[in-house]
């Protein structure tokens, strides 16, 4: 009977240890996911060092979730994130060079001239500039602009007037 009791005690101890290890791994994974989300939100420049990024990350309230991760885990996750950003940057450059028809034997001076002739995408400082650009995007094509506006007005006419405001939708009440 003592051998059976010893066996069952070992089984219970093993089960408790395995359950605790699983719970610990599950919480570690949870914190890793949150730290990766924080990196994705705040670290967008692959040239950033860990020291610079850490200063930036500590200013965010979500960094407290990462305090349970070890220093090595944080640095490893940061390195993986930077690697992904660098690979994306490299792939975009390769795609652009392929689009321009640049070969591996081309001189950098010629490639640089080609890149400078490329129109740069617009950079917007604020949402109001995006809105302004949205309304002026068809200035060069008055016929197309008129067609787009008329199609939108016809769609609104088909939908009919909006429903009256109700108590359940106070945001739709006139002020």
Protein backbone atom coordinates (compact mmCIF):
# COMPACT_ATOMS: atom_id res chain seq x y z
CA UNK A 1 0.00 0.00 0.00
CA UNK A 2 2.86 2.35 0.72
CA UNK A 3 4.21 1.96 -2.81
CA UNK A 4 0.79 2.91 -4.22
CA UNK A 5 0.56 5.90 -1.90
CA UNK A 6 4.05 7.03 -2.89
CA UNK A 7 3.16 6.64 -6.55
CA UNK A 8 -0.07 8.65 -6.20
CA UNK A 9 1.71 11.40 -4.23
CA UNK A 10 4.35 11.66 -6.97
CA UNK A 11 1.58 11.83 -9.58
CA UNK A 12 -0.19 14.63 -7.70
CA UNK A 13 3.07 16.55 -7.25
CA UNK A 14 3.86 16.13 -10.93
CA UNK A 15 0.35 17.27 -11.91
CA UNK A 16 0.57 20.36 -9.68
CA UNK A 17 4.02 21.20 -11.03
CA UNK A 18 2.87 20.75 -14.65
CA UNK A 19 -0.23 22.88 -14.03
CA UNK A 20 1.85 25.66 -12.46
CA UNK A 21 4.38 25.50 -15.30
CA UNK A 22 1.55 25.74 -17.85
CA UNK A 23 0.01 28.70 -16.03
CA UNK A 24 3.40 30.41 -15.82
CA UNK A 25 4.03 29.86 -19.53
CA UNK A 26 0.53 31.11 -20.35
CA UNK A 27 1.04 34.35 -18.41
CA UNK A 28 4.50 34.83 -19.93
CA UNK A 29 2.98 34.46 -23.40
CA UNK A 30 0.29 36.97 -22.42
CA UNK A 31 2.91 39.55 -21.42
CA UNK A 32 4.97 38.86 -24.55
CA UNK A 33 1.92 39.52 -26.73
CA UNK A 34 1.27 42.82 -24.95
CA UNK A 35 4.91 43.85 -25.22
CA UNK A 36 4.91 43.05 -28.94
CA UNK A 37 1.78 45.18 -29.37
CA UNK A 38 3.52 48.02 -27.54
CA UNK A 39 6.53 47.68 -29.82
CA UNK A 40 4.32 47.70 -32.90
CA UNK A 41 2.62 50.89 -31.74
CA UNK A 42 5.65 52.86 -30.61
CA UNK A 43 8.75 51.55 -32.41
CA UNK A 44 8.49 52.11 -36.15
CA UNK A 45 12.06 53.04 -36.97
CA UNK A 46 14.43 50.07 -37.47
CA UNK A 47 17.43 52.31 -36.75
CA UNK A 48 16.36 52.79 -33.12
CA UNK A 49 18.59 51.24 -30.45
CA UNK A 50 17.27 49.32 -27.46
CA UNK A 51 18.37 52.10 -25.11
CA UNK A 52 16.49 54.77 -27.10
CA UNK A 53 13.43 52.59 -27.51
CA UNK A 54 13.33 51.70 -23.82
CA UNK A 55 13.12 55.39 -22.89
CA UNK A 56 10.22 55.81 -25.30
CA UNK A 57 8.47 52.63 -24.14
CA UNK A 58 8.70 53.49 -20.44
CA UNK A 59 6.65 56.64 -21.02
CA UNK A 60 3.66 54.52 -22.07
CA UNK A 61 1.36 53.19 -19.35
CA UNK A 62 1.23 49.75 -21.02
CA UNK A 63 4.90 49.20 -20.25
CA UNK A 64 3.91 48.14 -16.73
CA UNK A 65 2.62 44.86 -18.18
CA UNK A 66 6.09 44.15 -19.49
CA UNK A 67 7.74 44.52 -16.08
CA UNK A 68 7.10 40.84 -15.42
CA UNK A 69 9.20 39.89 -18.45
CA UNK A 70 12.92 39.51 -17.95
CA UNK A 71 15.35 42.03 -19.39
CA UNK A 72 16.58 39.36 -21.82
CA UNK A 73 13.03 38.64 -23.01
CA UNK A 74 12.36 42.31 -23.66
CA UNK A 75 15.61 42.76 -25.57
CA UNK A 76 14.97 39.58 -27.58
CA UNK A 77 11.45 40.70 -28.52
CA UNK A 78 12.79 44.14 -29.42
CA UNK A 79 15.48 42.61 -31.65
CA UNK A 80 12.90 40.45 -33.40
CA UNK A 81 10.68 43.50 -33.96
CA UNK A 82 13.58 45.55 -35.37
CA UNK A 83 14.50 42.64 -37.64
CA UNK A 84 10.96 42.54 -39.04
CA UNK A 85 11.01 46.31 -39.62
CA UNK A 86 14.39 46.10 -41.36
CA UNK A 87 13.19 43.28 -43.59
CA UNK A 88 10.11 45.28 -44.58
CA UNK A 89 12.27 48.29 -45.41
CA UNK A 90 14.64 46.13 -47.47
CA UNK A 91 11.75 44.49 -49.34
CA UNK A 92 10.22 47.87 -50.18
CA UNK A 93 13.54 49.12 -51.52
CA UNK A 94 13.99 45.99 -53.61
CA UNK A 95 10.46 46.34 -55.00
CA UNK A 96 11.10 49.97 -55.89
CA UNK A 97 14.41 49.12 -57.57
CA UNK A 98 12.75 46.30 -59.52
CA UNK A 99 9.95 48.66 -60.57
CA UNK A 100 12.56 51.12 -61.85
CA UNK A 101 14.35 48.35 -63.73
CA UNK A 102 17.58 48.72 -61.79
CA UNK A 103 20.03 45.86 -62.29
CA UNK A 104 22.80 44.73 -59.99
CA UNK A 105 25.38 46.23 -62.36
CA UNK A 106 23.91 49.75 -62.24
CA UNK A 107 25.93 52.59 -60.76
CA UNK A 108 24.62 54.10 -57.55
CA UNK A 109 24.86 57.59 -59.03
CA UNK A 110 22.40 56.59 -61.81
CA UNK A 111 20.08 54.82 -59.39
CA UNK A 112 20.10 57.85 -57.09
CA UNK A 113 19.10 60.11 -60.00
CA UNK A 114 16.24 57.76 -60.88
CA UNK A 115 15.04 57.70 -57.27
CA UNK A 116 15.11 61.49 -57.03
CA UNK A 117 12.95 61.75 -60.16
CA UNK A 118 10.28 59.57 -58.52
CA UNK A 119 7.35 61.58 -57.19
CA UNK A 120 7.28 61.37 -53.42
CA UNK A 121 4.02 60.39 -51.74
CA UNK A 122 2.36 63.31 -49.96
CA UNK A 123 3.18 63.69 -46.29
CA UNK A 124 0.33 64.98 -44.16
CA UNK A 125 0.89 66.71 -40.87
CA UNK A 126 -2.70 66.46 -39.68
CA UNK A 127 -6.09 64.94 -40.36
CA UNK A 128 -7.38 68.30 -41.62
CA UNK A 129 -4.81 68.19 -44.42
CA UNK A 130 -6.01 64.70 -45.36
CA UNK A 131 -9.60 65.98 -45.47
CA UNK A 132 -8.59 68.98 -47.56
CA UNK A 133 -6.72 66.76 -49.98
CA UNK A 134 -9.71 64.42 -50.22
CA UNK A 135 -11.90 67.30 -51.40
CA UNK A 136 -9.33 68.75 -53.79
CA UNK A 137 -8.10 65.44 -55.22
CA UNK A 138 -10.41 65.75 -58.23
CA UNK A 139 -9.70 69.42 -58.99
CA UNK A 140 -7.83 68.41 -62.12
CA UNK A 141 -10.85 66.44 -63.47
CA UNK A 142 -13.99 68.58 -63.10
CA UNK A 143 -16.11 66.13 -65.12
CA UNK A 144 -15.17 63.19 -62.94
CA UNK A 145 -15.66 65.26 -59.81
CA UNK A 146 -19.18 66.28 -60.91
CA UNK A 147 -19.99 62.65 -61.74
CA UNK A 148 -18.81 61.48 -58.30
CA UNK A 149 -20.82 64.15 -56.51
CA UNK A 150 -23.96 63.42 -58.52
CA UNK A 151 -23.66 59.66 -57.87
CA UNK A 152 -23.34 60.35 -54.15
CA UNK A 153 -26.40 62.65 -54.16
CA UNK A 154 -28.47 60.05 -56.06
CA UNK A 155 -27.48 57.42 -53.50
CA UNK A 156 -28.57 59.70 -50.66
CA UNK A 157 -31.85 60.39 -52.47
CA UNK A 158 -32.54 56.64 -52.83
CA UNK A 159 -31.95 56.11 -49.10
CA UNK A 160 -34.44 58.82 -48.24
CA UNK A 161 -34.45 61.12 -45.24
CA UNK A 162 -32.78 59.90 -42.07
CA UNK A 163 -35.02 58.55 -39.29
CA UNK A 164 -36.10 60.97 -36.57
CA UNK A 165 -33.98 61.15 -33.44
CA UNK A 166 -35.07 58.90 -30.62
CA UNK A 167 -34.38 58.60 -26.94
CA UNK A 168 -32.16 55.59 -27.61
CA UNK A 169 -29.96 57.62 -29.95
CA UNK A 170 -29.32 60.95 -28.20
CA UNK A 171 -26.39 61.73 -30.50
CA UNK A 172 -28.76 62.22 -33.40
CA UNK A 173 -30.84 64.87 -31.68
CA UNK A 174 -30.56 68.37 -33.09
CA UNK A 175 -28.74 70.75 -30.77
